[in-house]
Amino acid sequence: MSDTERTGPDADAWEKACAEDLAAEQARRREQYGAEPGSAAEELRKLMDAVAEKLSAFQAPIGGAAAQGAVQHFVEQAKAAVEPVIERNPEVFDHLANAGSELLAAYRSAVFGHERRWTAGPDEAKPQPPGGDKPEGTGSGEHIDLD
């Protein structure tokens, strides 16, 4: 019997059970790990709000009213500059975040080989042919004593 031929009270039982299991697992993960991060634009807003809050709390006891006013003015200017960009093009920040991840992966790839050579012993630091194979005609690589 195919899915389209099911009838009766249990026709949706499997679908309901799967949906309940999925909802329970998502709730468990939210409880364990916290809410999933939003888009890059939403995360930038959260970051700006957190920085503004910290700067306001940090400056209050130290610099007095003039310093606190300057910090508040700076935070407002930064928000005013970024908010229109977030509103018009929120996907830009997703692309920038992805580009940053790709640049980091490229950097790691470039640096990994150098780090391996720097930390390897003298025999391990010799360049290996592609694929790790030995060049033809070199034998097993063991020293042969001809005396």
Protein backbone atom coordinates (compact mmCIF):
# COMPACT_ATOMS: atom_id res chain seq x y z
CA MET A 1 0.00 0.00 0.00
CA SER A 2 1.45 3.37 -0.98
CA ASP A 3 1.35 6.53 1.10
CA THR A 4 -1.45 7.94 -1.02
CA GLU A 5 -3.66 4.89 -0.48
CA ARG A 6 -3.65 5.07 3.33
CA THR A 7 -6.98 5.88 4.91
CA GLY A 8 -8.48 5.74 8.34
CA PRO A 9 -7.49 7.12 11.74
CA ASP A 10 -3.81 6.04 11.54
CA ALA A 11 -3.10 7.49 8.11
CA ASP A 12 -1.13 10.39 9.63
CA ALA A 13 0.29 8.54 12.65
CA TRP A 14 3.80 8.14 11.21
CA GLU A 15 3.97 11.75 10.09
CA LYS A 16 2.74 13.00 13.47
CA ALA A 17 5.19 10.79 15.37
CA CYS A 18 8.11 12.04 13.26
CA ALA A 19 7.04 15.67 13.73
CA GLU A 20 6.79 15.17 17.50
CA ASP A 21 10.20 13.50 17.64
CA LEU A 22 11.73 16.31 15.59
CA ALA A 23 10.16 18.99 17.79
CA ALA A 24 11.38 17.22 20.94
CA GLU A 25 14.92 16.93 19.56
CA GLN A 26 14.97 20.60 18.53
CA ALA A 27 13.75 21.62 21.99
CA ARG A 28 16.44 19.46 23.63
CA ARG A 29 19.16 21.03 21.48
CA ARG A 30 17.92 24.57 22.16
CA GLU A 31 18.00 23.79 25.87
CA GLN A 32 21.47 22.27 25.68
CA TYR A 33 23.16 24.64 23.23
CA GLY A 34 20.97 27.74 23.25
CA ALA A 35 19.14 29.28 20.34
CA GLU A 36 20.64 28.85 16.89
CA PRO A 37 22.40 31.91 15.52
CA GLY A 38 20.35 34.03 13.17
CA SER A 39 21.47 35.52 9.93
CA ALA A 40 24.70 37.48 9.81
CA ALA A 41 22.69 40.72 9.76
CA GLU A 42 20.80 39.74 12.92
CA GLU A 43 24.02 38.74 14.63
CA LEU A 44 25.60 42.08 13.69
CA ARG A 45 22.66 43.90 15.28
CA LYS A 46 23.05 41.82 18.44
CA LEU A 47 26.78 42.55 18.50
CA MET A 48 26.22 46.28 18.10
CA ASP A 49 23.65 46.29 20.90
CA ALA A 50 25.95 44.30 23.20
CA VAL A 51 28.93 46.57 22.50
CA ALA A 52 26.79 49.67 23.06
CA GLU A 53 25.53 48.28 26.36
CA LYS A 54 29.05 47.37 27.53
CA LEU A 55 30.47 50.75 26.55
CA SER A 56 27.70 52.56 28.37
CA ALA A 57 28.21 50.48 31.52
CA PHE A 58 32.00 50.77 31.33
CA GLN A 59 32.19 54.52 30.82
CA ALA A 60 29.67 55.56 33.49
CA PRO A 61 31.92 55.27 36.56
CA ILE A 62 35.14 56.38 34.84
CA GLY A 63 34.76 59.36 32.54
CA GLY A 64 31.78 61.22 33.83
CA ALA A 65 28.94 62.71 31.86
CA ALA A 66 31.03 64.20 29.03
CA ALA A 67 32.78 60.91 28.20
CA GLN A 68 29.56 58.96 28.49
CA GLY A 69 27.85 61.41 26.13
CA ALA A 70 30.67 61.06 23.59
CA VAL A 71 30.50 57.28 23.73
CA GLN A 72 26.73 57.35 23.36
CA HIS A 73 27.03 59.69 20.37
CA PHE A 74 29.61 57.40 18.74
CA VAL A 75 27.41 54.32 19.25
CA GLU A 76 24.39 56.12 17.77
CA GLN A 77 26.42 57.19 14.72
CA ALA A 78 27.66 53.64 14.17
CA LYS A 79 24.13 52.26 14.41
CA ALA A 80 22.83 54.95 12.05
CA ALA A 81 25.48 54.01 9.49
CA VAL A 82 24.96 50.25 9.68
CA GLU A 83 21.18 49.95 10.11
CA PRO A 84 20.24 51.14 6.58
CA VAL A 85 22.67 48.65 5.05
CA ILE A 86 21.25 45.84 7.17
CA GLU A 87 17.69 46.82 6.24
CA ARG A 88 18.29 47.09 2.49
CA ASN A 89 20.74 44.22 1.97
CA PRO A 90 20.74 41.71 4.83
CA GLU A 91 22.10 38.97 2.54
CA VAL A 92 25.29 40.99 2.03
CA PHE A 93 26.38 40.09 5.54
CA ASP A 94 25.73 36.38 4.89
CA HIS A 95 27.93 36.59 1.80
CA LEU A 96 30.65 38.42 3.74
CA ALA A 97 30.52 35.79 6.49
CA ASN A 98 30.82 32.99 3.91
CA ALA A 99 33.69 34.79 2.19
CA GLY A 100 35.46 35.13 5.53
CA SER A 101 35.05 31.40 6.15
CA GLU A 102 36.50 30.62 2.72
CA LEU A 103 39.46 32.96 3.30
CA LEU A 104 40.13 31.29 6.65
CA ALA A 105 40.02 27.85 5.02
CA ALA A 106 42.47 29.01 2.32
CA TYR A 107 44.81 30.45 4.96
CA ARG A 108 44.73 27.23 6.97
CA SER A 109 45.45 25.22 3.85
CA ALA A 110 48.42 27.42 2.95
CA VAL A 111 49.86 27.47 6.46
CA PHE A 112 49.35 23.78 7.24
CA GLY A 113 52.13 22.63 4.91
CA HIS A 114 54.60 25.16 6.32
CA GLU A 115 53.77 24.25 9.90
CA ARG A 116 54.25 20.56 9.13
CA ARG A 117 57.70 21.25 7.66
CA TRP A 118 58.68 23.50 10.57
CA THR A 119 57.73 20.92 13.18
CA ALA A 120 58.89 17.80 11.32
CA GLY A 121 62.23 16.13 11.79
CA PRO A 122 64.95 16.37 9.10
CA ASP A 123 63.83 13.23 7.23
CA GLU A 124 60.17 14.13 7.40
CA ALA A 125 60.74 17.65 6.08
CA LYS A 126 61.94 16.49 2.66
CA PRO A 127 59.39 17.21 -0.05
CA GLN A 128 57.44 14.15 -1.13
CA PRO A 129 56.31 13.50 -4.69
CA PRO A 130 52.59 13.98 -5.36
CA GLY A 131 50.46 11.13 -4.04
CA GLY A 132 53.13 10.06 -1.57
CA ASP A 133 54.62 7.57 -4.07
CA LYS A 134 58.34 7.17 -4.45
CA PRO A 135 59.89 8.09 -7.77
CA GLU A 136 60.44 5.17 -10.09
CA GLY A 137 63.80 3.45 -9.84
CA THR A 138 64.57 4.37 -6.25
CA GLY A 139 63.81 0.96 -4.78
CA SER A 140 62.60 0.54 -1.23
CA GLY A 141 64.49 3.54 0.12
CA GLU A 142 66.64 1.40 2.43
CA HIS A 143 70.41 1.96 2.61
CA ILE A 144 72.40 -0.75 0.86
CA ASP A 145 75.96 -1.32 2.17
CA LEU A 146 78.22 -2.22 -0.77
CA ASP A 147 81.36 -3.03 1.30
